[in-house]
C-alpha atoms as a PDB file:
ATOM      1  CA  MET A   1     163.992  41.074  76.627  1.00  0.00           C
ATOM      2  CA  SER A   2     164.187  39.255  79.951  1.00  0.00           C
ATOM      3  CA  ALA A   3     162.599  35.799  80.335  1.00  0.00           C
ATOM      4  CA  GLN A   4     159.472  35.564  82.450  1.00  0.00           C
ATOM      5  CA  PRO A   5     159.741  33.307  85.547  1.00  0.00           C
ATOM      6  CA  LEU A   6     157.741  30.061  85.475  1.00  0.00           C
ATOM      7  CA  PRO A   7     154.704  29.915  87.776  1.00  0.00           C
ATOM      8  CA  PRO A   8     155.064  27.747  90.873  1.00  0.00           C
ATOM      9  CA  ILE A   9     153.813  24.177  90.708  1.00  0.00           C
ATOM     10  CA  ARG A  10     150.689  23.629  92.790  1.00  0.00           C
ATOM     11  CA  PRO A  11     151.037  20.891  95.439  1.00  0.00           C
ATOM     12  CA  GLU A  12     147.964  18.946  94.281  1.00  0.00           C
ATOM     13  CA  TYR A  13     149.573  18.396  90.882  1.00  0.00           C
ATOM     14  CA  VAL A  14     152.729  16.792  92.369  1.00  0.00           C
ATOM     15  CA  VAL A  15     152.816  12.978  92.344  1.00  0.00           C
ATOM     16  CA  PRO A  16     154.907  11.655  95.214  1.00  0.00           C
ATOM     17  CA  LEU A  17     157.636   9.145  94.550  1.00  0.00           C
ATOM     18  CA  GLY A  18     156.529   5.555  94.929  1.00  0.00           C
ATOM     19  CA  ALA A  19     152.861   6.329  94.252  1.00  0.00           C
ATOM     20  CA  PRO A  20     151.082   3.724  92.080  1.00  0.00           C
ATOM     21  CA  ALA A  21     150.707   4.708  88.457  1.00  0.00           C
ATOM     22  CA  LEU A  22     147.265   5.269  87.000  1.00  0.00           C
ATOM     23  CA  VAL A  23     146.203   2.209  85.039  1.00  0.00           C
ATOM     24  CA  ALA A  24     143.521   2.320  82.368  1.00  0.00           C
ATOM     25  CA  PRO A  25     140.610  -0.008  83.012  1.00  0.00           C
ATOM     26  CA  ALA A  26     140.898  -3.331  81.285  1.00  0.00           C
ATOM     27  CA  ALA A  27     139.026  -3.569  78.042  1.00  0.00           C
ATOM     28  CA  ALA A  28     136.099  -5.936  77.770  1.00  0.00           C
ATOM     29  CA  PRO A  29     136.886  -9.351  76.308  1.00  0.00           C
ATOM     30  CA  ALA A  30     136.875  -9.416  72.534  1.00  0.00           C
ATOM     31  CA  SER A  31     134.149 -12.067  72.419  1.00  0.00           C
ATOM     32  CA  LEU A  32     131.874  -9.930  74.609  1.00  0.00           C
ATOM     33  CA  ARG A  33     132.481  -6.834  72.500  1.00  0.00           C
ATOM     34  CA  ARG A  34     131.738  -8.769  69.311  1.00  0.00           C
ATOM     35  CA  ALA A  35     128.547 -10.170  70.808  1.00  0.00           C
ATOM     36  CA  LEU A  36     127.312  -6.765  71.941  1.00  0.00           C
ATOM     37  CA  GLN A  37     127.719  -5.437  68.411  1.00  0.00           C
ATOM     38  CA  HIS A  38     124.568  -7.384  67.458  1.00  0.00           C
ATOM     39  CA  ALA A  39     121.495  -5.196  67.904  1.00  0.00           C
ATOM     40  CA  TRP A  40     119.190  -8.129  68.683  1.00  0.00           C
ATOM     41  CA  LEU A  41     121.421  -9.236  71.563  1.00  0.00           C
ATOM     42  CA  ARG A  42     121.585  -5.750  73.067  1.00  0.00           C
ATOM     43  CA  LYS A  43     117.820  -5.388  72.828  1.00  0.00           C
ATOM     44  CA  SER A  44     117.295  -8.855  74.334  1.00  0.00           C
ATOM     45  CA  LEU A  45     119.480  -7.950  77.300  1.00  0.00           C
ATOM     46  CA  LEU A  46     117.520  -4.722  77.723  1.00  0.00           C
ATOM     47  CA  LEU A  47     114.223  -6.636  77.712  1.00  0.00           C
ATOM     48  CA  LEU A  48     115.574  -9.068  80.322  1.00  0.00           C
ATOM     49  CA  VAL A  49     116.559  -6.175  82.561  1.00  0.00           C
ATOM     50  CA  LEU A  50     113.102  -4.615  82.220  1.00  0.00           C
ATOM     51  CA  ALA A  51     111.434  -7.966  82.953  1.00  0.00           C
ATOM     52  CA  ALA A  52     113.568  -8.378  86.073  1.00  0.00           C
ATOM     53  CA  LEU A  53     112.589  -4.903  87.283  1.00  0.00           C
ATOM     54  CA  TRP A  54     108.935  -5.687  86.562  1.00  0.00           C
ATOM     55  CA  GLU A  55     109.125  -8.951  88.527  1.00  0.00           C
ATOM     56  CA  ALA A  56     110.839  -7.216  91.451  1.00  0.00           C
ATOM     57  CA  LEU A  57     108.200  -4.473  91.526  1.00  0.00           C
ATOM     58  CA  ALA A  58     105.373  -7.018  91.410  1.00  0.00           C
ATOM     59  CA  ARG A  59     106.871  -9.009  94.286  1.00  0.00           C
ATOM     60  CA  TRP A  60     107.279  -5.836  96.309  1.00  0.00           C
ATOM     61  CA  GLN A  61     103.659  -4.819  95.530  1.00  0.00           C
ATOM     62  CA  ASP A  62     102.447  -8.339  96.418  1.00  0.00           C
ATOM     63  CA  ASN A  63      99.041  -7.910  94.758  1.00  0.00           C
ATOM     64  CA  ASP A  64      98.410 -10.118  91.720  1.00  0.00           C
ATOM     65  CA  LEU A  65      95.103  -8.410  91.015  1.00  0.00           C
ATOM     66  CA  LEU A  66      96.760  -5.026  90.452  1.00  0.00           C
ATOM     67  CA  LEU A  67     100.165  -6.023  89.109  1.00  0.00           C
ATOM     68  CA  PRO A  68     100.965  -9.621  88.199  1.00  0.00           C
ATOM     69  CA  GLY A  69     104.639 -10.436  87.819  1.00  0.00           C
ATOM     70  CA  ALA A  70     106.523 -11.081  84.615  1.00  0.00           C
ATOM     71  CA  LEU A  71     106.650 -14.832  85.311  1.00  0.00           C
ATOM     72  CA  GLN A  72     102.904 -15.012  85.985  1.00  0.00           C
ATOM     73  CA  THR A  73     102.209 -13.052  82.796  1.00  0.00           C
ATOM     74  CA  ALA A  74     104.517 -15.368  80.851  1.00  0.00           C
ATOM     75  CA  ARG A  75     102.630 -18.402  82.155  1.00  0.00           C
ATOM     76  CA  ALA A  76      99.280 -16.840  81.158  1.00  0.00           C
ATOM     77  CA  PHE A  77     100.702 -15.994  77.732  1.00  0.00           C
ATOM     78  CA  ALA A  78     102.002 -19.533  77.232  1.00  0.00           C
ATOM     79  CA  ALA A  79      98.696 -21.043  78.384  1.00  0.00           C
ATOM     80  CA  GLY A  80      96.780 -18.849  75.949  1.00  0.00           C
ATOM     81  CA  MET A  81      99.069 -19.841  73.085  1.00  0.00           C
ATOM     82  CA  VAL A  82      98.885 -23.563  73.867  1.00  0.00           C
ATOM     83  CA  SER A  83      95.096 -23.540  74.206  1.00  0.00           C
ATOM     84  CA  GLY A  84      94.731 -21.645  70.923  1.00  0.00           C
ATOM     85  CA  GLU A  85      92.775 -18.820  72.547  1.00  0.00           C
ATOM     86  CA  LEU A  86      95.331 -16.084  71.910  1.00  0.00           C
ATOM     87  CA  PRO A  87      96.173 -17.135  68.311  1.00  0.00           C
ATOM     88  CA  GLY A  88      92.477 -17.035  67.434  1.00  0.00           C
ATOM     89  CA  TYR A  89      92.062 -13.491  68.686  1.00  0.00           C
ATOM     90  CA  VAL A  90      95.323 -12.403  67.058  1.00  0.00           C
ATOM     91  CA  ALA A  91      94.256 -13.873  63.711  1.00  0.00           C
ATOM     92  CA  ALA A  92      90.924 -12.033  63.885  1.00  0.00           C
ATOM     93  CA  SER A  93      92.673  -8.717  64.584  1.00  0.00           C
ATOM     94  CA  LEU A  94      95.315  -9.168  61.883  1.00  0.00           C
ATOM     95  CA  ALA A  95      92.707 -10.032  59.266  1.00  0.00           C
ATOM     96  CA  VAL A  96      90.942  -6.714  59.841  1.00  0.00           C
ATOM     97  CA  LEU A  97      94.245  -4.852  60.115  1.00  0.00           C
ATOM     98  CA  VAL A  98      95.582  -6.083  56.777  1.00  0.00           C
ATOM     99  CA  GLN A  99      92.383  -5.092  54.982  1.00  0.00           C
ATOM    100  CA  GLY A 100      92.235  -1.609  56.481  1.00  0.00           C
ATOM    101  CA  TYR A 101      95.977  -1.027  56.073  1.00  0.00           C
ATOM    102  CA  ALA A 102      95.939  -2.040  52.414  1.00  0.00           C
ATOM    103  CA  LEU A 103      93.016   0.259  51.618  1.00  0.00           C
ATOM    104  CA  GLY A 104      94.665   3.125  53.507  1.00  0.00           C
ATOM    105  CA  VAL A 105      97.937   2.654  51.593  1.00  0.00           C
ATOM    106  CA  ALA A 106      96.071   2.595  48.288  1.00  0.00           C
ATOM    107  CA  GLY A 107      94.195   5.789  49.147  1.00  0.00           C
ATOM    108  CA  ALA A 108      97.378   7.542  50.276  1.00  0.00           C
ATOM    109  CA  LEU A 109      99.233   6.628  47.091  1.00  0.00           C
ATOM    110  CA  LEU A 110      96.307   7.835  44.992  1.00  0.00           C
ATOM    111  CA  LEU A 111      96.234  11.193  46.765  1.00  0.00           C
ATOM    112  CA  THR A 112     100.014  11.522  46.485  1.00  0.00           C
ATOM    113  CA  SER A 113      99.926  10.755  42.762  1.00  0.00           C
ATOM    114  CA  LEU A 114      97.365  13.491  42.238  1.00  0.00           C
ATOM    115  CA  ALA A 115      99.364  15.914  44.380  1.00  0.00           C
ATOM    116  CA  ILE A 116     102.639  15.490  42.490  1.00  0.00           C
ATOM    117  CA  GLY A 117     100.907  15.593  39.110  1.00  0.00           C
ATOM    118  CA  THR A 118      98.453  18.483  39.316  1.00  0.00           C
ATOM    119  CA  ARG A 119      98.006  21.727  41.191  1.00  0.00           C
ATOM    120  CA  PHE A 120      94.452  20.714  42.090  1.00  0.00           C
ATOM    121  CA  GLY A 121      95.718  17.463  43.600  1.00  0.00           C
ATOM    122  CA  ARG A 122      98.289  19.347  45.672  1.00  0.00           C
ATOM    123  CA  ASP A 123      95.645  21.733  47.022  1.00  0.00           C
ATOM    124  CA  LEU A 124      93.327  18.792  47.710  1.00  0.00           C
ATOM    125  CA  LEU A 125      95.991  16.862  49.638  1.00  0.00           C
ATOM    126  CA  GLU A 126      97.057  19.867  51.697  1.00  0.00           C
ATOM    127  CA  THR A 127      93.441  20.710  52.573  1.00  0.00           C
ATOM    128  CA  LEU A 128      92.399  17.170  53.468  1.00  0.00           C
ATOM    129  CA  THR A 129      95.488  16.452  55.573  1.00  0.00           C
ATOM    130  CA  ALA A 130      95.101  19.747  57.426  1.00  0.00           C
ATOM    131  CA  MET A 131      91.490  18.780  58.216  1.00  0.00           C
ATOM    132  CA  PHE A 132      91.714  15.077  59.002  1.00  0.00           C
ATOM    133  CA  ASN A 133      95.285  14.312  60.075  1.00  0.00           C
ATOM    134  CA  PRO A 134      94.868  15.912  63.548  1.00  0.00           C
ATOM    135  CA  LEU A 135      91.561  14.060  64.019  1.00  0.00           C
ATOM    136  CA  PRO A 136      92.004  10.860  66.083  1.00  0.00           C
ATOM    137  CA  ALA A 137      90.754   7.831  64.211  1.00  0.00           C
ATOM    138  CA  ILE A 138      89.000   6.441  67.284  1.00  0.00           C
ATOM    139  CA  ALA A 139      86.892   9.623  67.425  1.00  0.00           C
ATOM    140  CA  LEU A 140      85.280   8.555  64.143  1.00  0.00           C
ATOM    141  CA  LEU A 141      84.155   5.201  65.550  1.00  0.00           C
ATOM    142  CA  PRO A 142      80.695   6.407  66.722  1.00  0.00           C
ATOM    143  CA  LEU A 143      80.072   7.826  63.258  1.00  0.00           C
ATOM    144  CA  ALA A 144      81.310   4.596  61.669  1.00  0.00           C
ATOM    145  CA  LEU A 145      78.913   2.611  63.837  1.00  0.00           C
ATOM    146  CA  LEU A 146      76.023   4.764  62.599  1.00  0.00           C
ATOM    147  CA  TRP A 147      77.040   4.414  58.951  1.00  0.00           C
ATOM    148  CA  PHE A 148      78.228   0.804  58.751  1.00  0.00           C
ATOM    149  CA  GLY A 149      76.756  -0.859  61.842  1.00  0.00           C
ATOM    150  CA  LEU A 150      78.406  -3.317  64.215  1.00  0.00           C
ATOM    151  CA  GLY A 151      80.776  -5.156  61.943  1.00  0.00           C
ATOM    152  CA  ARG A 152      84.125  -5.266  60.206  1.00  0.00           C
ATOM    153  CA  ALA A 153      83.298  -2.329  57.911  1.00  0.00           C
ATOM    154  CA  SER A 154      83.345   0.103  60.836  1.00  0.00           C
ATOM    155  CA  LEU A 155      86.787  -1.082  61.909  1.00  0.00           C
ATOM    156  CA  VAL A 156      88.128  -0.884  58.366  1.00  0.00           C
ATOM    157  CA  PHE A 157      86.819   2.672  58.075  1.00  0.00           C
ATOM    158  CA  VAL A 158      88.717   3.941  61.106  1.00  0.00           C
ATOM    159  CA  LEU A 159      91.836   2.025  60.053  1.00  0.00           C
ATOM    160  CA  VAL A 160      91.829   3.649  56.616  1.00  0.00           C
ATOM    161  CA  HIS A 161      91.615   7.040  58.288  1.00  0.00           C
ATOM    162  CA  SER A 162      94.528   6.279  60.622  1.00  0.00           C
ATOM    163  CA  VAL A 163      96.795   5.094  57.779  1.00  0.00           C
ATOM    164  CA  MET A 164      95.983   7.391  54.866  1.00  0.00           C
ATOM    165  CA  TRP A 165      96.971  10.838  56.116  1.00  0.00           C
ATOM    166  CA  PRO A 166     100.404  10.217  57.696  1.00  0.00           C
ATOM    167  CA  LEU A 167     101.460   8.073  54.744  1.00  0.00           C
ATOM    168  CA  ALA A 168     100.252  10.633  52.207  1.00  0.00           C
ATOM    169  CA  LEU A 169     102.087  13.432  54.009  1.00  0.00           C
ATOM    170  CA  ASN A 170     105.358  11.488  54.206  1.00  0.00           C
ATOM    171  CA  ALA A 171     105.177  10.295  50.609  1.00  0.00           C
ATOM    172  CA  TYR A 172     104.417  13.780  49.309  1.00  0.00           C
ATOM    173  CA  ALA A 173     107.286  15.233  51.348  1.00  0.00           C
ATOM    174  CA  GLY A 174     109.586  12.528  50.002  1.00  0.00           C
ATOM    175  CA  PHE A 175     108.699  13.232  46.387  1.00  0.00           C
ATOM    176  CA  GLY A 176     109.066  16.951  46.990  1.00  0.00           C
ATOM    177  CA  SER A 177     112.572  16.502  48.382  1.00  0.00           C
ATOM    178  CA  VAL A 178     113.915  14.647  45.331  1.00  0.00           C
ATOM    179  CA  PRO A 179     116.758  16.808  43.965  1.00  0.00           C
ATOM    180  CA  GLU A 180     116.217  18.396  40.599  1.00  0.00           C
ATOM    181  CA  THR A 181     119.577  17.023  39.473  1.00  0.00           C
ATOM    182  CA  LEU A 182     118.244  13.466  39.775  1.00  0.00           C
ATOM    183  CA  ARG A 183     115.232  14.323  37.662  1.00  0.00           C
ATOM    184  CA  MET A 184     117.413  15.980  35.051  1.00  0.00           C
ATOM    185  CA  ALA A 185     119.742  12.982  35.029  1.00  0.00           C
ATOM    186  CA  GLY A 186     116.782  10.676  34.473  1.00  0.00           C
ATOM    187  CA  ARG A 187     115.539  12.803  31.585  1.00  0.00           C
ATOM    188  CA  ASN A 188     119.022  12.778  30.072  1.00  0.00           C
ATOM    189  CA  TYR A 189     118.828   8.992  30.033  1.00  0.00           C
ATOM    190  CA  GLY A 190     115.532   9.201  28.170  1.00  0.00           C
ATOM    191  CA  LEU A 191     113.240   8.529  31.142  1.00  0.00           C
ATOM    192  CA  ASN A 192     109.855  10.247  31.049  1.00  0.00           C
ATOM    193  CA  GLY A 193     106.423   9.761  32.568  1.00  0.00           C
ATOM    194  CA  THR A 194     105.925   6.548  34.486  1.00  0.00           C
ATOM    195  CA  ARG A 195     109.489   5.344  33.795  1.00  0.00           C
ATOM    196  CA  LEU A 196     110.872   8.472  35.445  1.00  0.00           C
ATOM    197  CA  VAL A 197     108.545   7.998  38.416  1.00  0.00           C
ATOM    198  CA  PHE A 198     109.320   4.318  39.017  1.00  0.00           C
ATOM    199  CA  GLN A 199     113.042   4.390  38.243  1.00  0.00           C
ATOM    200  CA  VAL A 200     114.015   7.747  39.744  1.00  0.00           C
ATOM    201  CA  MET A 201     111.309   9.384  41.844  1.00  0.00           C
ATOM    202  CA  ILE A 202     110.128   6.418  43.917  1.00  0.00           C
ATOM    203  CA  PRO A 203     113.629   5.097  44.775  1.00  0.00           C
ATOM    204  CA  ALA A 204     114.731   8.605  45.792  1.00  0.00           C
ATOM    205  CA  ALA A 205     111.624   9.144  47.941  1.00  0.00           C
ATOM    206  CA  LEU A 206     111.632   5.610  49.385  1.00  0.00           C
ATOM    207  CA  PRO A 207     113.066   6.538  52.835  1.00  0.00           C
ATOM    208  CA  ALA A 208     110.190   8.952  53.426  1.00  0.00           C
ATOM    209  CA  ILE A 209     107.673   6.440  52.061  1.00  0.00           C
ATOM    210  CA  LEU A 210     108.950   3.696  54.382  1.00  0.00           C
ATOM    211  CA  SER A 211     108.772   6.112  57.298  1.00  0.00           C
ATOM    212  CA  GLY A 212     105.156   6.863  56.432  1.00  0.00           C
ATOM    213  CA  LEU A 213     104.376   3.147  56.169  1.00  0.00           C
ATOM    214  CA  LYS A 214     105.799   2.533  59.646  1.00  0.00           C
ATOM    215  CA  ILE A 215     103.898   5.467  61.146  1.00  0.00           C
ATOM    216  CA  GLY A 216     100.701   4.333  59.447  1.00  0.00           C
ATOM    217  CA  TRP A 217     101.185   0.784  60.741  1.00  0.00           C
ATOM    218  CA  ALA A 218     101.673   1.986  64.308  1.00  0.00           C
ATOM    219  CA  PHE A 219      98.600   4.229  64.127  1.00  0.00           C
ATOM    220  CA  ALA A 220      96.496   1.445  62.609  1.00  0.00           C
ATOM    221  CA  TRP A 221      97.559  -1.186  65.150  1.00  0.00           C
ATOM    222  CA  ARG A 222      96.812   0.900  68.226  1.00  0.00           C
ATOM    223  CA  THR A 223      93.575   2.232  66.680  1.00  0.00           C
ATOM    224  CA  LEU A 224      92.413  -1.319  66.010  1.00  0.00           C
ATOM    225  CA  ILE A 225      93.044  -2.436  69.600  1.00  0.00           C
ATOM    226  CA  ALA A 226      91.204   0.607  70.966  1.00  0.00           C
ATOM    227  CA  ALA A 227      88.300   0.115  68.549  1.00  0.00           C
ATOM    228  CA  GLU A 228      88.002  -3.548  69.482  1.00  0.00           C
ATOM    229  CA  LEU A 229      87.728  -2.539  73.112  1.00  0.00           C
ATOM    230  CA  VAL A 230      84.718  -0.406  72.160  1.00  0.00           C
ATOM    231  CA  PHE A 231      83.274  -3.228  70.074  1.00  0.00           C
ATOM    232  CA  GLY A 232      83.631  -5.478  73.083  1.00  0.00           C
ATOM    233  CA  THR A 233      81.441  -3.165  75.140  1.00  0.00           C
ATOM    234  CA  THR A 234      78.779  -2.928  72.439  1.00  0.00           C
ATOM    235  CA  SER A 235      78.434  -6.150  70.517  1.00  0.00           C
ATOM    236  CA  GLY A 236      80.867  -8.627  72.011  1.00  0.00           C
ATOM    237  CA  LYS A 237      82.841  -8.777  68.771  1.00  0.00           C
ATOM    238  CA  GLY A 238      86.481  -8.101  68.248  1.00  0.00           C
ATOM    239  CA  GLY A 239      89.902  -9.616  68.336  1.00  0.00           C
ATOM    240  CA  LEU A 240      92.809  -9.030  70.672  1.00  0.00           C
ATOM    241  CA  GLY A 241      91.265  -5.864  72.120  1.00  0.00           C
ATOM    242  CA  TRP A 242      88.129  -7.795  73.004  1.00  0.00           C
ATOM    243  CA  TYR A 243      90.276 -10.463  74.684  1.00  0.00           C
ATOM    244  CA  ILE A 244      91.896  -7.791  76.862  1.00  0.00           C
ATOM    245  CA  PHE A 245      88.524  -6.236  77.720  1.00  0.00           C
ATOM    246  CA  GLN A 246      86.927  -9.575  78.553  1.00  0.00           C
ATOM    247  CA  SER A 247      89.859 -10.605  80.748  1.00  0.00           C
ATOM    248  CA  ARG A 248      89.595  -7.324  82.612  1.00  0.00           C
ATOM    249  CA  ASN A 249      85.883  -7.875  83.264  1.00  0.00           C
ATOM    250  CA  GLU A 250      86.630 -11.351  84.650  1.00  0.00           C
ATOM    251  CA  LEU A 251      89.470  -9.932  86.817  1.00  0.00           C
ATOM    252  CA  PHE A 252      92.105 -12.073  85.084  1.00  0.00           C
ATOM    253  CA  THR A 253      94.776  -9.396  85.276  1.00  0.00           C
ATOM    254  CA  ASP A 254      97.490 -11.805  84.165  1.00  0.00           C
ATOM    255  CA  LYS A 255      95.522 -12.407  80.959  1.00  0.00           C
ATOM    256  CA  VAL A 256      95.180  -8.648  80.489  1.00  0.00           C
ATOM    257  CA  PHE A 257      98.953  -8.338  80.651  1.00  0.00           C
ATOM    258  CA  ALA A 258      99.301 -11.365  78.365  1.00  0.00           C
ATOM    259  CA  GLY A 259      97.102  -9.627  75.787  1.00  0.00           C
ATOM    260  CA  LEU A 260      99.150  -6.453  76.087  1.00  0.00           C
ATOM    261  CA  ALA A 261     102.300  -8.544  75.683  1.00  0.00           C
ATOM    262  CA  ALA A 262     100.838 -10.038  72.508  1.00  0.00           C
ATOM    263  CA  VAL A 263     100.232  -6.523  71.165  1.00  0.00           C
ATOM    264  CA  ILE A 264     103.871  -5.609  71.896  1.00  0.00           C
ATOM    265  CA  VAL A 265     105.271  -8.847  70.446  1.00  0.00           C
ATOM    266  CA  ILE A 266     103.346  -8.400  67.208  1.00  0.00           C
ATOM    267  CA  GLY A 267     104.605  -4.822  66.952  1.00  0.00           C
ATOM    268  CA  LEU A 268     108.196  -5.969  67.458  1.00  0.00           C
ATOM    269  CA  LEU A 269     107.828  -8.754  64.896  1.00  0.00           C
ATOM    270  CA  VAL A 270     106.363  -6.477  62.241  1.00  0.00           C
ATOM    271  CA  GLU A 271     109.061  -3.871  62.868  1.00  0.00           C
ATOM    272  CA  GLY A 272     111.895  -6.406  62.828  1.00  0.00           C
ATOM    273  CA  LEU A 273     110.763  -8.836  60.150  1.00  0.00           C
ATOM    274  CA  VAL A 274     108.921  -6.564  57.734  1.00  0.00           C
ATOM    275  CA  PHE A 275     110.107  -2.969  57.886  1.00  0.00           C
ATOM    276  CA  GLN A 276     113.745  -3.579  58.804  1.00  0.00           C
ATOM    277  CA  THR A 277     113.959  -6.202  56.060  1.00  0.00           C
ATOM    278  CA  LEU A 278     112.549  -3.720  53.548  1.00  0.00           C
ATOM    279  CA  GLU A 279     115.019  -1.072  54.687  1.00  0.00           C
ATOM    280  CA  ARG A 280     117.930  -3.491  54.499  1.00  0.00           C
ATOM    281  CA  LEU A 281     117.019  -4.625  50.981  1.00  0.00           C
ATOM    282  CA  THR A 282     116.388  -1.115  49.659  1.00  0.00           C
ATOM    283  CA  VAL A 283     117.543   2.129  51.228  1.00  0.00           C
ATOM    284  CA  ARG A 284     120.424   0.677  53.268  1.00  0.00           C
ATOM    285  CA  ARG A 285     121.615  -1.447  50.384  1.00  0.00           C
ATOM    286  CA  TRP A 286     121.538   1.588  48.121  1.00  0.00           C
ATOM    287  CA  GLY A 287     123.493   3.686  50.644  1.00  0.00           C
ATOM    288  CA  MET A 288     120.587   6.055  51.325  1.00  0.00           C
ATOM    289  CA  GLN A 289     120.434   5.341  55.058  1.00  0.00           C
ATOM    290  CA  ARG A 290     123.085   4.529  57.625  1.00  0.00           C
ATOM    291  CA  GLN A 291     122.889   1.159  59.366  1.00  0.00           C
ATOM    292  CA  ALA A 292     122.972   2.677  62.863  1.00  0.00           C
ATOM    293  CA  LEU A 293     123.795   6.108  64.147  1.00  0.00           C
ATOM    294  CA  GLY A 294     125.558   4.755  67.177  1.00  0.00           C
ATOM    295  CA  LYS A 295     127.438   1.915  65.491  1.00  0.00           C
ATOM    296  CA  ALA A 296     130.651   1.054  67.261  1.00  0.00           C
ATOM    297  CA  ALA A 297     133.871   1.752  65.490  1.00  0.00           C
END
């Protein structure tokens, strides 16, 4: 069998003699690579970039009434913190939020306990979540005002609604996804009833429960701010939402942005200090959740 001739070499693939060799780009310094491995540093750099873009856009717009710059907003935020105005409004909002969030968590856990224990409870949870979970909590505010009047009770009512259904759904899904082998292993160790629930079921369903808690917190926080805006238009009461609404009426746009920045900062603090700490001490420590999907090798 005769050998087949080799195909001709294409000219573009020929490297002439004396041509410089291809050199791989230099790797980043080791100290920089180690620093960028910290999530807080990467996120801080990202926030600085966004703030710089915001400041550049505001300077190009050149209209403080429509779009104050990042530096002007920072000065308004600092002035509000020093004067005690912003902390007072934040404290008023958080006091209502904690009360409504706690009641919503308690109601969700009660519904979930009924659902995993009885067929009636499961039907009740599925029916109620199908009815009320798609319903925006802020849509219930007019009804809450009729029932409870202009006060904290109306805010707590809409907060309970915003927290209860997503948390109940996530917790029920988490308990339903617990493998049967774990339950059988717990029974083999003599665990039954409440001991089986607290030592096997809850730890196995904890990732879904934490996810529901975070979703419920986000829904409650934005519902509270929106509801306080409505309270500001009706009775002059409220917390951080009322501060934003009042600043808008007085055309202090920098204070409006400062109030929005306070909403964002509180969200970041709760996410970083509360929920990430809980995840680190529980599901990540137990090997049930990876530290970061994009972690560098």
